[in-house]
PDB file of N, CA and C in Angstrom:
ATOM      1  N   MET A   1     149.045 240.063  -5.629  1.00  0.00           N
ATOM      2  CA  MET A   1     147.903 239.841  -4.789  1.00  0.00           C
ATOM      3  C   MET A   1     147.170 238.625  -5.300  1.00  0.00           C
ATOM      4  N   SER A   2     146.796 237.764  -4.393  1.00  0.00           N
ATOM      5  CA  SER A   2     145.972 236.623  -4.769  1.00  0.00           C
ATOM      6  C   SER A   2     145.080 236.246  -3.601  1.00  0.00           C
ATOM      7  N   TYR A   3     144.007 235.571  -3.916  1.00  0.00           N
ATOM      8  CA  TYR A   3     143.174 235.015  -2.862  1.00  0.00           C
ATOM      9  C   TYR A   3     142.516 233.742  -3.361  1.00  0.00           C
ATOM     10  N   GLU A   4     142.206 232.890  -2.407  1.00  0.00           N
ATOM     11  CA  GLU A   4     141.498 231.648  -2.686  1.00  0.00           C
ATOM     12  C   GLU A   4     140.247 231.612  -1.830  1.00  0.00           C
ATOM     13  N   ASN A   5     139.202 231.036  -2.364  1.00  0.00           N
ATOM     14  CA  ASN A   5     137.995 230.803  -1.590  1.00  0.00           C
ATOM     15  C   ASN A   5     137.286 229.578  -2.142  1.00  0.00           C
ATOM     16  N   VAL A   6     136.199 229.211  -1.504  1.00  0.00           N
ATOM     17  CA  VAL A   6     135.392 228.085  -1.952  1.00  0.00           C
ATOM     18  C   VAL A   6     133.976 228.596  -2.180  1.00  0.00           C
ATOM     19  N   ILE A   7     133.472 228.373  -3.388  1.00  0.00           N
ATOM     20  CA  ILE A   7     132.106 228.763  -3.741  1.00  0.00           C
ATOM     21  C   ILE A   7     131.362 227.518  -4.192  1.00  0.00           C
ATOM     22  N   SER A   8     130.277 227.210  -3.530  1.00  0.00           N
ATOM     23  CA  SER A   8     129.459 226.037  -3.865  1.00  0.00           C
ATOM     24  C   SER A   8     130.311 224.772  -3.942  1.00  0.00           C
ATOM     25  N   GLY A   9     131.278 224.639  -3.017  1.00  0.00           N
ATOM     26  CA  GLY A   9     132.124 223.461  -2.961  1.00  0.00           C
ATOM     27  C   GLY A   9     133.252 223.420  -3.975  1.00  0.00           C
ATOM     28  N   THR A  10     133.439 224.498  -4.735  1.00  0.00           N
ATOM     29  CA  THR A  10     134.491 224.563  -5.753  1.00  0.00           C
ATOM     30  C   THR A  10     135.549 225.578  -5.342  1.00  0.00           C
ATOM     31  N   ASN A  11     136.817 225.155  -5.335  1.00  0.00           N
ATOM     32  CA  ASN A  11     137.915 226.078  -5.040  1.00  0.00           C
ATOM     33  C   ASN A  11     138.012 227.120  -6.140  1.00  0.00           C
ATOM     34  N   GLN A  12     138.315 228.342  -5.740  1.00  0.00           N
ATOM     35  CA  GLN A  12     138.480 229.439  -6.687  1.00  0.00           C
ATOM     36  C   GLN A  12     139.778 230.164  -6.381  1.00  0.00           C
ATOM     37  N   LEU A  13     140.510 230.547  -7.420  1.00  0.00           N
ATOM     38  CA  LEU A  13     141.763 231.285  -7.280  1.00  0.00           C
ATOM     39  C   LEU A  13     141.695 232.528  -8.153  1.00  0.00           C
ATOM     40  N   CYS A  14     142.008 233.688  -7.536  1.00  0.00           N
ATOM     41  CA  CYS A  14     142.059 234.956  -8.253  1.00  0.00           C
ATOM     42  C   CYS A  14     143.416 235.602  -8.001  1.00  0.00           C
ATOM     43  N   VAL A  15     144.024 236.150  -9.040  1.00  0.00           N
ATOM     44  CA  VAL A  15     145.353 236.747  -8.941  1.00  0.00           C
ATOM     45  C   VAL A  15     145.333 238.139  -9.567  1.00  0.00           C
ATOM     46  N   GLY A  16     146.272 238.991  -9.122  1.00  0.00           N
ATOM     47  CA  GLY A  16     146.320 240.326  -9.691  1.00  0.00           C
ATOM     48  C   GLY A  16     147.499 241.125  -9.179  1.00  0.00           C
ATOM     49  N   THR A  17     147.369 242.437  -9.241  1.00  0.00           N
ATOM     50  CA  THR A  17     148.426 243.354  -8.834  1.00  0.00           C
ATOM     51  C   THR A  17     147.891 244.321  -7.791  1.00  0.00           C
ATOM     52  N   TRP A  18     148.824 244.920  -7.017  1.00  0.00           N
ATOM     53  CA  TRP A  18     148.421 245.867  -5.986  1.00  0.00           C
ATOM     54  C   TRP A  18     149.394 247.034  -5.949  1.00  0.00           C
ATOM     55  N   THR A  19     148.898 248.154  -5.419  1.00  0.00           N
ATOM     56  CA  THR A  19     149.732 249.317  -5.162  1.00  0.00           C
ATOM     57  C   THR A  19     149.338 249.901  -3.805  1.00  0.00           C
ATOM     58  N   LEU A  20     150.324 250.472  -3.122  1.00  0.00           N
ATOM     59  CA  LEU A  20     150.098 251.168  -1.857  1.00  0.00           C
ATOM     60  C   LEU A  20     150.723 252.545  -1.988  1.00  0.00           C
ATOM     61  N   SER A  21     149.906 253.571  -1.863  1.00  0.00           N
ATOM     62  CA  SER A  21     150.372 254.950  -1.946  1.00  0.00           C
ATOM     63  C   SER A  21     149.977 255.651  -0.654  1.00  0.00           C
ATOM     64  N   ASN A  22     150.989 255.907   0.193  1.00  0.00           N
ATOM     65  CA  ASN A  22     150.742 256.446   1.529  1.00  0.00           C
ATOM     66  C   ASN A  22     149.840 255.475   2.281  1.00  0.00           C
ATOM     67  N   THR A  23     148.597 255.819   2.491  1.00  0.00           N
ATOM     68  CA  THR A  23     147.697 254.932   3.233  1.00  0.00           C
ATOM     69  C   THR A  23     146.609 254.326   2.350  1.00  0.00           C
ATOM     70  N   ALA A  24     146.676 254.528   1.046  1.00  0.00           N
ATOM     71  CA  ALA A  24     145.653 254.011   0.136  1.00  0.00           C
ATOM     72  C   ALA A  24     146.142 252.735  -0.552  1.00  0.00           C
ATOM     73  N   LEU A  25     145.451 251.634  -0.289  1.00  0.00           N
ATOM     74  CA  LEU A  25     145.751 250.362  -0.944  1.00  0.00           C
ATOM     75  C   LEU A  25     144.743 250.146  -2.063  1.00  0.00           C
ATOM     76  N   PHE A  26     145.252 249.735  -3.223  1.00  0.00           N
ATOM     77  CA  PHE A  26     144.412 249.477  -4.386  1.00  0.00           C
ATOM     78  C   PHE A  26     144.901 248.194  -5.028  1.00  0.00           C
ATOM     79  N   PHE A  27     143.999 247.269  -5.331  1.00  0.00           N
ATOM     80  CA  PHE A  27     144.405 246.094  -6.090  1.00  0.00           C
ATOM     81  C   PHE A  27     143.283 245.584  -6.972  1.00  0.00           C
ATOM     82  N   THR A  28     143.680 244.922  -8.042  1.00  0.00           N
ATOM     83  CA  THR A  28     142.736 244.309  -8.970  1.00  0.00           C
ATOM     84  C   THR A  28     143.088 242.842  -9.106  1.00  0.00           C
ATOM     85  N   THR A  29     142.079 242.022  -9.327  1.00  0.00           N
ATOM     86  CA  THR A  29     142.293 240.596  -9.524  1.00  0.00           C
ATOM     87  C   THR A  29     141.458 240.105 -10.693  1.00  0.00           C
ATOM     88  N   VAL A  30     141.866 238.966 -11.220  1.00  0.00           N
ATOM     89  CA  VAL A  30     141.097 238.233 -12.222  1.00  0.00           C
ATOM     90  C   VAL A  30     141.053 236.788 -11.757  1.00  0.00           C
ATOM     91  N   CYS A  31     139.879 236.209 -11.770  1.00  0.00           N
ATOM     92  CA  CYS A  31     139.741 234.807 -11.356  1.00  0.00           C
ATOM     93  C   CYS A  31     140.259 233.897 -12.472  1.00  0.00           C
ATOM     94  N   VAL A  32     141.180 233.020 -12.110  1.00  0.00           N
ATOM     95  CA  VAL A  32     141.824 232.153 -13.100  1.00  0.00           C
ATOM     96  C   VAL A  32     141.439 230.684 -12.936  1.00  0.00           C
ATOM     97  N   TYR A  33     140.750 230.374 -11.846  1.00  0.00           N
ATOM     98  CA  TYR A  33     140.356 228.998 -11.591  1.00  0.00           C
ATOM     99  C   TYR A  33     139.098 229.025 -10.744  1.00  0.00           C
ATOM    100  N   GLY A  34     138.168 228.137 -11.003  1.00  0.00           N
ATOM    101  CA  GLY A  34     136.964 228.056 -10.185  1.00  0.00           C
ATOM    102  C   GLY A  34     135.755 227.704 -11.014  1.00  0.00           C
ATOM    103  N   LEU A  35     134.594 228.145 -10.552  1.00  0.00           N
ATOM    104  CA  LEU A  35     133.367 227.908 -11.299  1.00  0.00           C
ATOM    105  C   LEU A  35     133.494 228.539 -12.682  1.00  0.00           C
ATOM    106  N   PRO A  36     133.039 227.838 -13.725  1.00  0.00           N
ATOM    107  CA  PRO A  36     133.204 228.360 -15.088  1.00  0.00           C
ATOM    108  C   PRO A  36     132.701 229.792 -15.266  1.00  0.00           C
ATOM    109  N   GLN A  37     131.596 230.145 -14.630  1.00  0.00           N
ATOM    110  CA  GLN A  37     131.055 231.495 -14.802  1.00  0.00           C
ATOM    111  C   GLN A  37     131.891 232.564 -14.095  1.00  0.00           C
ATOM    112  N   ASN A  38     132.805 232.159 -13.205  1.00  0.00           N
ATOM    113  CA  ASN A  38     133.657 233.119 -12.503  1.00  0.00           C
ATOM    114  C   ASN A  38     135.043 233.279 -13.126  1.00  0.00           C
ATOM    115  N   VAL A  39     135.475 232.322 -13.928  1.00  0.00           N
ATOM    116  CA  VAL A  39     136.793 232.418 -14.565  1.00  0.00           C
ATOM    117  C   VAL A  39     136.790 233.609 -15.530  1.00  0.00           C
ATOM    118  N   GLY A  40     137.778 234.486 -15.361  1.00  0.00           N
ATOM    119  CA  GLY A  40     137.876 235.692 -16.180  1.00  0.00           C
ATOM    120  C   GLY A  40     137.222 236.915 -15.562  1.00  0.00           C
ATOM    121  N   VAL A  41     136.529 236.731 -14.439  1.00  0.00           N
ATOM    122  CA  VAL A  41     135.871 237.859 -13.775  1.00  0.00           C
ATOM    123  C   VAL A  41     136.928 238.739 -13.112  1.00  0.00           C
ATOM    124  N   SER A  42     136.811 240.046 -13.308  1.00  0.00           N
ATOM    125  CA  SER A  42     137.741 241.027 -12.759  1.00  0.00           C
ATOM    126  C   SER A  42     137.097 241.720 -11.560  1.00  0.00           C
ATOM    127  N   GLN A  43     137.921 241.998 -10.537  1.00  0.00           N
ATOM    128  CA  GLN A  43     137.449 242.687  -9.339  1.00  0.00           C
ATOM    129  C   GLN A  43     138.426 243.786  -8.964  1.00  0.00           C
ATOM    130  N   THR A  44     137.904 244.855  -8.365  1.00  0.00           N
ATOM    131  CA  THR A  44     138.716 245.959  -7.858  1.00  0.00           C
ATOM    132  C   THR A  44     138.491 246.083  -6.358  1.00  0.00           C
ATOM    133  N   PHE A  45     139.593 246.232  -5.616  1.00  0.00           N
ATOM    134  CA  PHE A  45     139.554 246.358  -4.159  1.00  0.00           C
ATOM    135  C   PHE A  45     140.254 247.658  -3.761  1.00  0.00           C
ATOM    136  N   THR A  46     139.721 248.349  -2.749  1.00  0.00           N
ATOM    137  CA  THR A  46     140.378 249.514  -2.180  1.00  0.00           C
ATOM    138  C   THR A  46     140.270 249.428  -0.659  1.00  0.00           C
ATOM    139  N   ALA A  47     141.239 250.004   0.033  1.00  0.00           N
ATOM    140  CA  ALA A  47     141.223 250.031   1.494  1.00  0.00           C
ATOM    141  C   ALA A  47     142.163 251.120   1.988  1.00  0.00           C
ATOM    142  N   THR A  48     142.012 251.452   3.270  1.00  0.00           N
ATOM    143  CA  THR A  48     142.898 252.403   3.935  1.00  0.00           C
ATOM    144  C   THR A  48     143.840 251.616   4.833  1.00  0.00           C
ATOM    145  N   TYR A  49     145.145 251.852   4.694  1.00  0.00           N
ATOM    146  CA  TYR A  49     146.163 251.130   5.447  1.00  0.00           C
ATOM    147  C   TYR A  49     146.706 252.007   6.566  1.00  0.00           C
ATOM    148  N   ASN A  50     146.714 251.477   7.793  1.00  0.00           N
ATOM    149  CA  ASN A  50     147.271 252.184   8.941  1.00  0.00           C
ATOM    150  C   ASN A  50     148.726 251.757   9.097  1.00  0.00           C
ATOM    151  N   LEU A  51     149.659 252.666   8.856  1.00  0.00           N
ATOM    152  CA  LEU A  51     151.086 252.341   8.899  1.00  0.00           C
ATOM    153  C   LEU A  51     151.548 251.887  10.278  1.00  0.00           C
ATOM    154  N   THR A  52     150.897 252.338  11.337  1.00  0.00           N
ATOM    155  CA  THR A  52     151.294 251.996  12.700  1.00  0.00           C
ATOM    156  C   THR A  52     150.802 250.624  13.119  1.00  0.00           C
ATOM    157  N   THR A  53     149.541 250.326  12.853  1.00  0.00           N
ATOM    158  CA  THR A  53     148.942 249.066  13.317  1.00  0.00           C
ATOM    159  C   THR A  53     148.999 247.950  12.284  1.00  0.00           C
ATOM    160  N   GLY A  54     149.179 248.290  11.006  1.00  0.00           N
ATOM    161  CA  GLY A  54     149.170 247.279   9.955  1.00  0.00           C
ATOM    162  C   GLY A  54     147.773 246.802   9.603  1.00  0.00           C
ATOM    163  N   ILE A  55     146.761 247.552  10.015  1.00  0.00           N
ATOM    164  CA  ILE A  55     145.377 247.151   9.772  1.00  0.00           C
ATOM    165  C   ILE A  55     144.814 247.896   8.568  1.00  0.00           C
ATOM    166  N   LEU A  56     144.093 247.144   7.736  1.00  0.00           N
ATOM    167  CA  LEU A  56     143.369 247.738   6.623  1.00  0.00           C
ATOM    168  C   LEU A  56     141.929 247.974   7.060  1.00  0.00           C
ATOM    169  N   THR A  57     141.413 249.173   6.814  1.00  0.00           N
ATOM    170  CA  THR A  57     140.028 249.484   7.127  1.00  0.00           C
ATOM    171  C   THR A  57     139.337 250.057   5.900  1.00  0.00           C
ATOM    172  N   ASN A  58     138.055 250.225   6.003  1.00  0.00           N
ATOM    173  CA  ASN A  58     137.254 250.784   4.909  1.00  0.00           C
ATOM    174  C   ASN A  58     137.453 250.018   3.606  1.00  0.00           C
ATOM    175  N   GLY A  59     137.679 248.711   3.720  1.00  0.00           N
ATOM    176  CA  GLY A  59     137.897 247.894   2.533  1.00  0.00           C
ATOM    177  C   GLY A  59     136.612 247.664   1.761  1.00  0.00           C
ATOM    178  N   THR A  60     136.661 247.918   0.466  1.00  0.00           N
ATOM    179  CA  THR A  60     135.519 247.657  -0.407  1.00  0.00           C
ATOM    180  C   THR A  60     135.997 246.932  -1.654  1.00  0.00           C
ATOM    181  N   TRP A  61     135.113 246.170  -2.252  1.00  0.00           N
ATOM    182  CA  TRP A  61     135.420 245.509  -3.518  1.00  0.00           C
ATOM    183  C   TRP A  61     134.201 245.575  -4.418  1.00  0.00           C
ATOM    184  N   VAL A  62     134.460 245.510  -5.717  1.00  0.00           N
ATOM    185  CA  VAL A  62     133.380 245.498  -6.702  1.00  0.00           C
ATOM    186  C   VAL A  62     133.766 244.552  -7.824  1.00  0.00           C
ATOM    187  N   ASN A  63     132.788 243.838  -8.318  1.00  0.00           N
ATOM    188  CA  ASN A  63     132.960 242.952  -9.460  1.00  0.00           C
ATOM    189  C   ASN A  63     132.884 243.817 -10.707  1.00  0.00           C
ATOM    190  N   ASN A  64     134.012 243.961 -11.410  1.00  0.00           N
ATOM    191  CA  ASN A  64     134.059 244.824 -12.592  1.00  0.00           C
ATOM    192  C   ASN A  64     133.267 244.271 -13.760  1.00  0.00           C
ATOM    193  N   THR A  65     133.066 242.967 -13.780  1.00  0.00           N
ATOM    194  CA  THR A  65     132.374 242.350 -14.906  1.00  0.00           C
ATOM    195  C   THR A  65     130.883 242.641 -14.845  1.00  0.00           C
ATOM    196  N   SER A  66     130.268 242.460 -13.668  1.00  0.00           N
ATOM    197  CA  SER A  66     128.830 242.720 -13.554  1.00  0.00           C
ATOM    198  C   SER A  66     128.549 244.134 -13.079  1.00  0.00           C
ATOM    199  N   GLY A  67     129.478 244.682 -12.254  1.00  0.00           N
ATOM    200  CA  GLY A  67     129.269 246.005 -11.690  1.00  0.00           C
ATOM    201  C   GLY A  67     128.243 246.037 -10.568  1.00  0.00           C
ATOM    202  N   THR A  68     127.628 244.885 -10.283  1.00  0.00           N
ATOM    203  CA  THR A  68     126.590 244.862  -9.259  1.00  0.00           C
ATOM    204  C   THR A  68     127.016 244.132  -7.998  1.00  0.00           C
ATOM    205  N   ASP A  69     127.879 243.152  -8.105  1.00  0.00           N
ATOM    206  CA  ASP A  69     128.364 242.437  -6.921  1.00  0.00           C
ATOM    207  C   ASP A  69     129.410 243.298  -6.238  1.00  0.00           C
ATOM    208  N   SER A  70     129.270 243.489  -4.923  1.00  0.00           N
ATOM    209  CA  SER A  70     130.223 244.284  -4.181  1.00  0.00           C
ATOM    210  C   SER A  70     130.157 243.903  -2.716  1.00  0.00           C
ATOM    211  N   GLY A  71     131.125 244.379  -1.941  1.00  0.00           N
ATOM    212  CA  GLY A  71     131.122 244.081  -0.523  1.00  0.00           C
ATOM    213  C   GLY A  71     132.218 244.828   0.204  1.00  0.00           C
ATOM    214  N   THR A  72     132.441 244.430   1.447  1.00  0.00           N
ATOM    215  CA  THR A  72     133.458 245.046   2.287  1.00  0.00           C
ATOM    216  C   THR A  72     134.384 243.971   2.827  1.00  0.00           C
ATOM    217  N   PHE A  73     135.589 244.393   3.307  1.00  0.00           N
ATOM    218  CA  PHE A  73     136.540 243.460   3.890  1.00  0.00           C
ATOM    219  C   PHE A  73     137.465 244.193   4.846  1.00  0.00           C
ATOM    220  N   THR A  74     138.115 243.435   5.757  1.00  0.00           N
ATOM    221  CA  THR A  74     139.172 243.930   6.611  1.00  0.00           C
ATOM    222  C   THR A  74     140.289 242.907   6.640  1.00  0.00           C
ATOM    223  N   LEU A  75     141.507 243.368   6.799  1.00  0.00           N
ATOM    224  CA  LEU A  75     142.685 242.501   6.908  1.00  0.00           C
ATOM    225  C   LEU A  75     143.619 243.063   7.960  1.00  0.00           C
ATOM    226  N   THR A  76     144.354 242.178   8.631  1.00  0.00           N
ATOM    227  CA  THR A  76     145.356 242.601   9.586  1.00  0.00           C
ATOM    228  C   THR A  76     146.697 241.995   9.202  1.00  0.00           C
ATOM    229  N   GLU A  77     147.723 242.814   9.134  1.00  0.00           N
ATOM    230  CA  GLU A  77     149.072 242.361   8.811  1.00  0.00           C
ATOM    231  C   GLU A  77     149.627 241.544   9.983  1.00  0.00           C
ATOM    232  N   VAL A  78     150.233 240.406   9.666  1.00  0.00           N
ATOM    233  CA  VAL A  78     150.805 239.542  10.684  1.00  0.00           C
ATOM    234  C   VAL A  78     152.293 239.411  10.407  1.00  0.00           C
ATOM    235  N   HIS A  79     153.117 239.629  11.433  1.00  0.00           N
ATOM    236  CA  HIS A  79     154.577 239.529  11.263  1.00  0.00           C
ATOM    237  C   HIS A  79     155.060 238.190  11.753  1.00  0.00           C
TER     238      HIS A  79
END
């Protein structure tokens, strides 16, 4: 699992591992490139995967380093 984004005009790259058990998706990432204060930051993501539609719902993430930054997300599988 990896993602890229731009924060304050700086590209950021975070990489990690994921698991899917039935309909539960779980992944963790560590930021390896970006703003100096974000490099090394760990995050945990969870979501519910619909096997029929390929849509992830109820996605949440939390910053493991601070424990205070968190949010939600959705993704759709594209073939």
